[in-house]
Amino acid sequence: LTLHATNPSIASRLNMSIDSLIAAMQTGGQPVTAVKVKVRAIQNAATGKPEATHSRHLGNQGRTALDALQQKVDAASPLGAALKKMLRDSG
């Protein structure tokens, strides 16, 4: 599984949560054995400043899987907060 972060700060937070993310996904029945985090900042070629990011649509199956995983994870944990934000922003 490869996760793309829009800045190094978010990538660092995700890297700190990789072990719990893998464990939670495996507990939820997802066959994840490794997670990579990559920084992919979107920049405007003319100004060099980051552009506004656009949320991507998450399909019903993906949304259902993430929702089920969120229910099993402590809402106060960084993973729980990230899942909640991902579901909220996914459309």
C-alpha atoms as a PDB file:
ATOM      1  CA  LEU A   1       0.000   0.000   0.000  1.00  0.00           C
ATOM      2  CA  THR A   2       1.410   3.397  -0.954  1.00  0.00           C
ATOM      3  CA  LEU A   3       0.109   6.549   0.693  1.00  0.00           C
ATOM      4  CA  HIS A   4       0.797   9.938  -0.859  1.00  0.00           C
ATOM      5  CA  ALA A   5       1.129  12.921   1.453  1.00  0.00           C
ATOM      6  CA  THR A   6       1.002  16.521   0.282  1.00  0.00           C
ATOM      7  CA  ASN A   7       3.795  17.669   2.593  1.00  0.00           C
ATOM      8  CA  PRO A   8       6.659  16.222   4.662  1.00  0.00           C
ATOM      9  CA  SER A   9       4.915  16.909   7.974  1.00  0.00           C
ATOM     10  CA  ILE A  10       1.977  14.686   7.089  1.00  0.00           C
ATOM     11  CA  ALA A  11       4.340  12.052   5.681  1.00  0.00           C
ATOM     12  CA  SER A  12       6.242  12.019   8.964  1.00  0.00           C
ATOM     13  CA  ARG A  13       3.025  11.527  10.975  1.00  0.00           C
ATOM     14  CA  LEU A  14       1.966   8.689   8.697  1.00  0.00           C
ATOM     15  CA  ASN A  15       5.394   7.047   8.971  1.00  0.00           C
ATOM     16  CA  MET A  16       5.066   7.053  12.764  1.00  0.00           C
ATOM     17  CA  SER A  17       1.711   5.250  12.487  1.00  0.00           C
ATOM     18  CA  ILE A  18       2.652   2.597   9.912  1.00  0.00           C
ATOM     19  CA  ASP A  19       2.828  -0.316  12.365  1.00  0.00           C
ATOM     20  CA  SER A  20      -0.577   0.439  13.882  1.00  0.00           C
ATOM     21  CA  LEU A  21      -2.059   1.062  10.432  1.00  0.00           C
ATOM     22  CA  ILE A  22      -0.857  -2.327   9.162  1.00  0.00           C
ATOM     23  CA  ALA A  23      -2.074  -4.097  12.291  1.00  0.00           C
ATOM     24  CA  ALA A  24      -5.485  -2.432  12.138  1.00  0.00           C
ATOM     25  CA  MET A  25      -5.927  -3.215   8.456  1.00  0.00           C
ATOM     26  CA  GLN A  26      -4.897  -6.845   8.957  1.00  0.00           C
ATOM     27  CA  THR A  27      -7.304  -7.126  11.883  1.00  0.00           C
ATOM     28  CA  GLY A  28      -9.985  -5.726   9.581  1.00  0.00           C
ATOM     29  CA  GLY A  29      -9.312  -8.474   7.050  1.00  0.00           C
ATOM     30  CA  GLN A  30      -7.255  -6.432   4.592  1.00  0.00           C
ATOM     31  CA  PRO A  31      -4.175  -8.268   3.225  1.00  0.00           C
ATOM     32  CA  VAL A  32      -1.682  -5.430   3.809  1.00  0.00           C
ATOM     33  CA  THR A  33       1.910  -6.399   4.560  1.00  0.00           C
ATOM     34  CA  ALA A  34       3.722  -3.122   3.927  1.00  0.00           C
ATOM     35  CA  VAL A  35       2.974   0.577   3.680  1.00  0.00           C
ATOM     36  CA  LYS A  36       5.090   3.192   1.888  1.00  0.00           C
ATOM     37  CA  VAL A  37       4.625   6.902   2.392  1.00  0.00           C
ATOM     38  CA  LYS A  38       5.634   9.271  -0.386  1.00  0.00           C
ATOM     39  CA  VAL A  39       5.514  13.047  -0.505  1.00  0.00           C
ATOM     40  CA  ARG A  40       3.780  14.390  -3.569  1.00  0.00           C
ATOM     41  CA  ALA A  41       3.374  18.125  -3.219  1.00  0.00           C
ATOM     42  CA  ILE A  42       1.393  19.660  -6.043  1.00  0.00           C
ATOM     43  CA  GLN A  43       3.023  22.902  -7.167  1.00  0.00           C
ATOM     44  CA  ASN A  44       2.036  25.573  -9.633  1.00  0.00           C
ATOM     45  CA  ALA A  45       4.721  25.740 -12.350  1.00  0.00           C
ATOM     46  CA  ALA A  46       4.403  29.524 -12.693  1.00  0.00           C
ATOM     47  CA  THR A  47       4.547  30.514  -9.014  1.00  0.00           C
ATOM     48  CA  GLY A  48       6.317  27.531  -7.451  1.00  0.00           C
ATOM     49  CA  LYS A  49       3.752  27.584  -4.652  1.00  0.00           C
ATOM     50  CA  PRO A  50       1.656  24.556  -3.767  1.00  0.00           C
ATOM     51  CA  GLU A  51      -1.694  24.401  -5.511  1.00  0.00           C
ATOM     52  CA  ALA A  52      -4.912  23.634  -3.706  1.00  0.00           C
ATOM     53  CA  THR A  53      -5.358  19.892  -3.513  1.00  0.00           C
ATOM     54  CA  HIS A  54      -8.506  18.260  -4.775  1.00  0.00           C
ATOM     55  CA  SER A  55     -10.090  15.364  -2.962  1.00  0.00           C
ATOM     56  CA  ARG A  56     -10.478  12.160  -4.884  1.00  0.00           C
ATOM     57  CA  HIS A  57     -13.633  10.147  -4.972  1.00  0.00           C
ATOM     58  CA  LEU A  58     -13.557   7.001  -2.867  1.00  0.00           C
ATOM     59  CA  GLY A  59     -15.679   4.141  -4.161  1.00  0.00           C
ATOM     60  CA  ASN A  60     -18.378   2.473  -2.081  1.00  0.00           C
ATOM     61  CA  GLN A  61     -16.255  -0.601  -1.361  1.00  0.00           C
ATOM     62  CA  GLY A  62     -13.292   1.511  -0.239  1.00  0.00           C
ATOM     63  CA  ARG A  63     -15.497   3.754   1.880  1.00  0.00           C
ATOM     64  CA  THR A  64     -17.144   0.728   3.509  1.00  0.00           C
ATOM     65  CA  ALA A  65     -13.756  -0.842   4.287  1.00  0.00           C
ATOM     66  CA  LEU A  66     -12.352   2.378   5.764  1.00  0.00           C
ATOM     67  CA  ASP A  67     -15.530   2.970   7.771  1.00  0.00           C
ATOM     68  CA  ALA A  68     -15.382  -0.547   9.208  1.00  0.00           C
ATOM     69  CA  LEU A  69     -11.712  -0.045  10.091  1.00  0.00           C
ATOM     70  CA  GLN A  70     -12.454   3.307  11.721  1.00  0.00           C
ATOM     71  CA  GLN A  71     -15.054   1.653  13.971  1.00  0.00           C
ATOM     72  CA  LYS A  72     -12.374  -0.752  15.285  1.00  0.00           C
ATOM     73  CA  VAL A  73      -9.696   1.876  15.920  1.00  0.00           C
ATOM     74  CA  ASP A  74      -9.546   4.199  18.928  1.00  0.00           C
ATOM     75  CA  ALA A  75     -10.995   7.513  17.726  1.00  0.00           C
ATOM     76  CA  ALA A  76      -8.461   9.448  19.832  1.00  0.00           C
ATOM     77  CA  SER A  77      -5.468   7.786  18.142  1.00  0.00           C
ATOM     78  CA  PRO A  78      -3.652   9.402  15.216  1.00  0.00           C
ATOM     79  CA  LEU A  79      -4.861   6.576  12.982  1.00  0.00           C
ATOM     80  CA  GLY A  80      -8.473   7.081  14.062  1.00  0.00           C
ATOM     81  CA  ALA A  81      -8.244  10.807  13.386  1.00  0.00           C
ATOM     82  CA  ALA A  82      -6.631  10.209   9.973  1.00  0.00           C
ATOM     83  CA  LEU A  83      -9.324   7.707   8.979  1.00  0.00           C
ATOM     84  CA  LYS A  84     -12.067  10.093  10.058  1.00  0.00           C
ATOM     85  CA  LYS A  85     -10.536  12.915   8.002  1.00  0.00           C
ATOM     86  CA  MET A  86      -9.993  10.630   4.999  1.00  0.00           C
ATOM     87  CA  LEU A  87     -13.640   9.545   5.051  1.00  0.00           C
ATOM     88  CA  ARG A  88     -14.846  13.122   5.508  1.00  0.00           C
ATOM     89  CA  ASP A  89     -12.730  14.462   2.655  1.00  0.00           C
ATOM     90  CA  SER A  90     -13.331  11.616   0.209  1.00  0.00           C
ATOM     91  CA  GLY A  91     -16.639  12.923  -1.053  1.00  0.00           C
END
